[in-house]
Protein backbone atom coordinates (compact mmCIF):
# COMPACT_ATOMS: atom_id res chain seq x y z
CA MET A 1 -28.71 -17.58 -15.06
CA THR A 2 -27.10 -14.49 -16.41
CA LEU A 3 -29.23 -12.24 -13.80
CA ALA A 4 -28.80 -14.71 -10.90
CA ALA A 5 -24.83 -14.59 -11.37
CA ILE A 6 -25.16 -10.64 -11.76
CA ILE A 7 -26.96 -10.78 -8.18
CA LEU A 8 -24.61 -13.03 -6.80
CA ALA A 9 -21.49 -10.99 -8.13
CA THR A 10 -22.73 -7.30 -6.90
CA LEU A 11 -23.76 -8.31 -3.79
CA ALA A 12 -20.25 -9.85 -3.22
CA ALA A 13 -18.66 -7.15 -4.84
CA GLY A 14 -20.79 -4.14 -2.75
CA ILE A 15 -21.22 -5.84 0.74
CA GLY A 16 -18.01 -8.07 0.81
CA SER A 17 -15.75 -5.08 -0.01
CA VAL A 18 -17.35 -3.53 3.32
CA TRP A 19 -16.86 -6.30 5.33
CA VAL A 20 -13.24 -6.56 4.06
CA ALA A 21 -12.52 -2.87 4.85
CA ALA A 22 -14.22 -3.56 8.29
CA LEU A 23 -11.56 -6.14 9.39
CA LEU A 24 -8.71 -4.35 7.95
CA MET A 25 -9.87 -1.74 10.15
CA ARG A 26 -10.23 -3.69 13.40
CA VAL A 27 -7.17 -5.63 12.67
CA GLY A 28 -5.14 -1.91 12.40
CA VAL A 29 -7.06 -0.36 15.50
CA SER A 30 -6.80 -3.38 17.61
CA GLY A 31 -3.09 -4.12 17.20
CA LYS A 32 -0.14 -2.96 19.48
CA ASN A 33 -0.31 0.78 20.68
CA GLY A 34 -4.20 0.97 19.77
CA GLY A 35 -3.08 0.63 16.31
CA MET A 36 -4.37 3.45 14.26
CA MET A 37 -5.20 6.79 16.43
CA PRO A 38 -8.30 8.74 15.40
CA GLN A 39 -6.60 11.32 14.02
CA ARG A 40 -4.92 9.28 11.74
CA LEU A 41 -8.14 7.00 10.70
CA LEU A 42 -9.42 10.42 9.97
CA SER A 43 -6.52 11.27 7.54
CA LEU A 44 -6.39 7.73 5.66
CA ALA A 45 -10.12 8.09 5.38
CA ALA A 46 -9.76 11.83 3.77
CA GLY A 47 -7.11 11.09 1.56
CA ALA A 48 -9.31 7.97 0.44
CA LEU A 49 -12.10 9.90 -0.37
CA LEU A 50 -10.40 12.66 -2.32
CA ALA A 51 -8.31 9.94 -3.97
CA THR A 52 -11.46 8.03 -5.08
CA ALA A 53 -12.84 11.24 -6.34
CA PHE A 54 -10.22 13.08 -8.22
CA MET A 55 -8.26 9.95 -9.51
CA HIS A 56 -11.04 7.08 -9.81
CA LEU A 57 -14.44 8.49 -10.54
CA LEU A 58 -13.80 11.68 -12.42
CA PRO A 59 -11.35 10.90 -14.69
CA GLU A 60 -13.38 7.91 -15.75
CA ALA A 61 -16.63 10.18 -16.25
CA PHE A 62 -14.40 12.76 -18.26
CA GLU A 63 -12.99 9.64 -20.74
CA SER A 64 -16.81 9.15 -21.64
CA GLU A 65 -18.76 11.13 -24.19
CA ALA A 66 -20.57 13.63 -21.86
CA GLY A 67 -19.66 17.28 -22.18
CA ALA A 68 -17.43 18.57 -19.79
CA HIS A 69 -19.97 21.35 -18.72
CA ASP A 70 -22.83 19.21 -18.01
CA LEU A 71 -20.52 17.06 -15.80
CA PHE A 72 -18.92 20.38 -14.23
CA LEU A 73 -22.36 21.47 -13.73
CA THR A 74 -23.89 17.95 -12.02
CA LEU A 75 -20.53 18.18 -9.90
CA LEU A 76 -21.25 21.24 -8.84
CA ILE A 77 -24.96 21.23 -7.95
CA GLY A 78 -23.61 18.27 -6.31
CA VAL A 79 -21.87 19.86 -4.04
CA VAL A 80 -24.31 22.43 -3.17
CA PHE A 81 -27.06 19.75 -2.70
CA PHE A 82 -24.78 18.16 0.24
CA PHE A 83 -24.06 21.08 1.66
CA LEU A 84 -27.88 21.58 1.99
CA LEU A 85 -28.30 17.76 3.17
CA ASP A 86 -25.88 18.38 5.92
CA LYS A 87 -27.23 21.65 6.61
CA ALA A 88 -30.71 19.84 7.02
CA GLU A 89 -29.22 17.07 9.47
CA LEU A 90 -27.32 19.77 11.70
CA TRP A 91 -30.82 21.56 12.03
CA HIS A 92 -32.91 18.27 12.39
CA HIS A 93 -30.11 17.26 15.10
CA GLY A 94 -29.89 20.35 17.19
CA HIS A 95 -33.77 20.61 16.90
CA GLU A 96 -33.62 17.05 18.78
CA HIS A 97 -30.93 18.03 21.25
CA GLY A 98 -32.44 21.91 21.86
CA HIS A 99 -36.66 20.65 22.65
CA GLY A 100 -37.39 20.81 25.87
CA HIS A 101 -35.17 23.06 27.52
CA ASP A 102 -36.23 26.74 26.44
CA ASN A 103 -37.69 27.05 30.13
CA HIS A 104 -33.69 26.86 31.53
CA PRO A 105 -31.50 29.39 29.29
CA ASP A 106 -28.41 28.59 31.32
CA HIS A 107 -28.85 25.12 30.67
CA HIS A 108 -29.81 25.05 27.46
CA HIS A 109 -26.43 27.55 26.29
CA ALA A 110 -24.38 25.06 28.01
CA HIS A 111 -26.17 22.37 25.88
CA ALA A 112 -25.72 24.22 22.96
CA HIS A 113 -22.05 24.79 23.64
CA GLY A 114 -21.16 21.19 24.36
CA HIS A 115 -23.33 20.14 21.42
CA ASP A 116 -21.20 22.36 19.17
CA HIS A 117 -17.94 20.94 21.21
CA GLY A 118 -18.85 17.50 21.53
CA HIS A 119 -20.87 16.35 18.50
CA GLY A 120 -18.85 18.28 15.71
CA LYS A 121 -18.18 15.04 14.24
CA SER A 122 -21.55 13.99 13.62
CA THR A 123 -22.20 15.70 10.13
CA GLY A 124 -21.33 13.99 6.82
CA GLY A 125 -23.16 10.79 7.55
CA TRP A 126 -26.35 11.21 5.19
CA ALA A 127 -23.98 13.08 2.60
CA VAL A 128 -21.41 9.93 2.50
CA LEU A 129 -24.12 7.37 2.36
CA THR A 130 -25.93 9.14 -0.35
CA GLY A 131 -22.68 8.97 -2.51
CA ASP A 132 -21.65 5.81 -1.65
CA SER A 133 -25.17 4.65 -2.76
CA VAL A 134 -25.01 6.19 -6.27
CA HIS A 135 -21.18 4.89 -6.52
CA CYS A 136 -22.51 1.51 -5.52
CA PHE A 137 -25.44 1.76 -8.37
CA GLY A 138 -22.86 3.16 -11.10
CA ASP A 139 -20.72 0.13 -9.92
CA GLY A 140 -23.09 -2.71 -10.38
CA VAL A 141 -24.37 -1.17 -13.70
CA LEU A 142 -20.57 -1.91 -15.16
CA ILE A 143 -20.51 -5.10 -13.70
CA ALA A 144 -23.79 -6.17 -14.92
CA SER A 145 -22.67 -4.82 -18.52
CA ALA A 146 -19.39 -6.93 -18.12
CA PHE A 147 -21.80 -10.41 -17.51
CA LEU A 148 -23.64 -9.63 -20.56
CA ALA A 149 -20.64 -9.07 -22.66
CA ASP A 150 -18.81 -12.13 -21.28
CA MET A 151 -19.17 -14.32 -17.91
CA ARG A 152 -15.38 -14.29 -17.43
CA LEU A 153 -15.16 -10.35 -18.00
CA GLY A 154 -18.50 -9.86 -15.11
CA LEU A 155 -16.29 -12.22 -12.84
CA ILE A 156 -13.18 -9.89 -13.08
CA ALA A 157 -15.28 -6.80 -13.29
CA ALA A 158 -16.78 -7.73 -9.67
CA ALA A 159 -13.34 -8.99 -8.49
CA SER A 160 -12.01 -5.31 -9.36
CA VAL A 161 -14.89 -3.48 -7.91
CA LEU A 162 -14.17 -5.13 -4.94
CA ALA A 163 -10.64 -4.89 -4.48
CA HIS A 164 -10.75 -1.10 -5.70
CA GLU A 165 -13.88 -0.36 -3.01
CA VAL A 166 -11.80 -1.60 -0.12
CA PRO A 167 -9.84 1.49 0.91
CA HIS A 168 -12.65 3.67 -0.06
CA HIS A 169 -15.11 1.83 2.17
CA ILE A 170 -12.73 2.32 5.14
CA GLY A 171 -12.95 6.28 4.63
CA ASP A 172 -16.77 5.29 4.59
CA LEU A 173 -16.70 3.89 7.71
CA VAL A 174 -14.48 6.41 9.72
CA VAL A 175 -16.84 8.88 8.92
CA LEU A 176 -20.46 6.83 9.73
CA ARG A 177 -18.70 5.78 13.12
CA ASN A 178 -17.63 9.65 14.00
CA ALA A 179 -21.18 10.64 12.71
CA SER A 180 -23.25 7.54 15.23
CA GLY A 181 -20.74 6.98 17.65
CA ASN A 182 -21.07 3.31 17.07
CA ARG A 183 -19.09 0.89 15.44
CA ARG A 184 -22.13 -1.81 14.34
CA VAL A 185 -24.20 0.84 13.50
CA ALA A 186 -21.51 2.14 11.00
CA LEU A 187 -21.09 -1.31 9.74
CA ILE A 188 -24.99 -1.98 9.09
CA LYS A 189 -25.35 1.61 7.03
CA VAL A 190 -22.63 1.10 4.97
CA SER A 191 -23.37 -2.45 4.11
CA LEU A 192 -27.06 -1.61 2.93
CA ALA A 193 -24.65 1.06 0.88
CA GLY A 194 -23.03 -1.53 -0.46
CA ALA A 195 -25.86 -3.69 -1.48
CA VAL A 196 -27.31 -1.14 -3.73
CA THR A 197 -24.92 -2.23 -6.23
CA ALA A 198 -27.06 -5.33 -6.64
CA LEU A 199 -29.59 -2.92 -7.74
CA GLY A 200 -27.41 -1.02 -10.01
CA GLY A 201 -26.94 -4.97 -11.47
CA MET A 202 -30.43 -5.79 -11.86
CA ALA A 203 -31.32 -2.16 -13.60
CA GLY A 204 -28.09 -2.81 -15.51
CA TYR A 205 -29.60 -6.40 -16.64
CA PHE A 206 -32.78 -4.94 -18.04
CA LEU A 207 -31.82 -1.07 -18.95
CA VAL A 208 -27.91 -1.42 -19.90
CA GLY A 209 -28.55 0.59 -23.02
CA GLN A 210 -30.02 3.76 -21.34
CA LEU A 211 -28.71 3.82 -18.12
CA HIS A 212 -24.78 3.56 -19.74
CA ASP A 213 -25.43 7.35 -21.22
CA TRP A 214 -25.83 8.42 -17.13
CA LEU A 215 -22.90 6.49 -15.61
CA PRO A 216 -20.29 9.57 -16.13
CA TYR A 217 -23.38 11.45 -14.12
CA PHE A 218 -23.73 8.89 -11.55
CA LEU A 219 -19.72 8.97 -10.80
CA VAL A 220 -19.38 12.66 -11.03
CA LEU A 221 -22.59 13.11 -8.61
CA ALA A 222 -20.73 10.67 -6.02
CA SER A 223 -17.95 12.31 -6.59
CA SER A 224 -19.16 15.21 -5.19
CA SER A 225 -20.26 13.97 -1.87
CA PHE A 226 -16.81 12.17 -1.44
CA VAL A 227 -15.13 15.65 -2.23
CA TYR A 228 -17.71 17.77 0.28
CA VAL A 229 -17.40 15.02 3.01
CA ALA A 230 -13.83 15.35 2.90
CA LEU A 231 -13.70 18.91 2.72
CA ALA A 232 -16.21 20.26 4.56
CA ASP A 233 -15.85 17.46 7.73
CA LEU A 234 -13.03 15.69 7.67
CA ILE A 235 -10.20 17.93 7.07
CA PRO A 236 -11.74 20.69 9.15
CA GLN A 237 -11.24 17.87 12.28
CA LEU A 238 -7.60 17.96 11.43
CA GLN A 239 -6.82 21.63 11.63
CA LYS A 240 -5.64 21.52 15.13
CA ARG A 241 -2.01 22.44 17.14
CA LEU A 242 -0.38 19.17 16.68
CA THR A 243 3.49 18.56 17.51
CA ALA A 244 5.68 18.54 14.71
CA ARG A 245 6.04 14.66 14.70
CA GLU A 246 2.05 14.26 15.15
CA THR A 247 1.91 16.48 11.61
CA ILE A 248 3.95 14.44 10.04
CA ALA A 249 2.18 11.34 11.07
CA GLN A 250 -1.40 13.45 10.00
CA ILE A 251 0.52 14.28 6.54
CA ALA A 252 1.56 10.54 5.91
CA TRP A 253 -1.65 9.31 6.54
CA LEU A 254 -3.32 11.40 4.55
CA VAL A 255 -1.06 10.53 1.55
CA ALA A 256 -1.42 6.92 2.38
CA GLY A 257 -5.01 6.97 1.82
CA MET A 258 -4.28 8.92 -1.44
CA VAL A 259 -1.51 6.51 -2.56
CA LEU A 260 -4.16 2.92 -1.56
CA VAL A 261 -6.83 3.94 -3.57
CA THR A 262 -4.47 4.85 -6.36
CA VAL A 263 -2.73 2.25 -6.54
CA VAL A 264 -5.52 -0.62 -6.34
CA SER A 265 -7.71 1.56 -8.86
CA GLY A 266 -4.70 1.31 -10.79
CA LEU A 267 -4.35 -2.14 -10.76
CA ALA A 268 -8.32 -2.83 -11.08
CA HIS A 269 -8.16 -0.79 -14.22
CA SER A 270 -4.96 -2.75 -15.74
CA HIS A 271 -7.20 -6.06 -15.59
C-alpha cells in the first residue's frame, strides 16, 4: 500500500509539474501580442535555473552533515562533466552535419558558418536533462522518506515538490525547445526526466537509509548542471545589443524567474 502510494505520488509530482509548466508556457506564449517573446522566455529560464541552484538546491545540500569541501568538489566535478558533455554533443552534432561535404569546400564553409550562427542554441539539452534526472531522483527519495514517516506527510511532500518544480521545468522546457526546435519533443524529454522521480521513490522505499546520506551530493550535482546551462548556454544568448527598453524587460524577466523559484520554494519549505 505504501509503495503504491509512493509510486503514484512521485509520478504525479514528477510528470504533473512538467505538464503544468507546459500549460502555463502555452497560455503565456499564445496570449495577446505573442505573449512572452523568446528573449523573455530565455531570461525567465536563466533566472529560474540559477535560483533553483543557488536558492534551493545548494542551501539544502549545505544544511546537511556532508562536508563543505566534498560538496564544493562535487560542484566542480559536475560543472566540468557537463562542459565535456556539451562538447561531446557539439562534436556529434557538427560531425553529422559536416559529413558528406568534404568534396565541396565552399559549401562546407558556408554550411559551417550557418551552423555556428543558426544552431548556436542547440547546446545544453543533454546537460539540463541529466541534471534534471538527478534532481528528480533526489525528489523521489525525499517523497519516499516522507511517506515512510507518515502518509499525510508524504502527500504534503509530493504536493510541495510538484509546486516548486513548475517554475524550474519552465526553464527546462525553454532549453529543450531551443535545443530540438520542437515543442512536443521537448515536452516528452522533460516528462521522461520527471518520471525519474518515481525511480527515486522506489529506490527510497527500499534503500532509504543508504540513499539519504547521498542526497546532498545529488542536489549539488543537479545544481552544477543548472548553473552550467544558465551561464554557458542561456545567458550568452541574452548578451545582445538591445534598446534600453528591451534591456530593462530582459533584466525584469531574469529577476522574475529568480523571484518565482525563490518564493515558491520558500512556500513549499514552510509547509
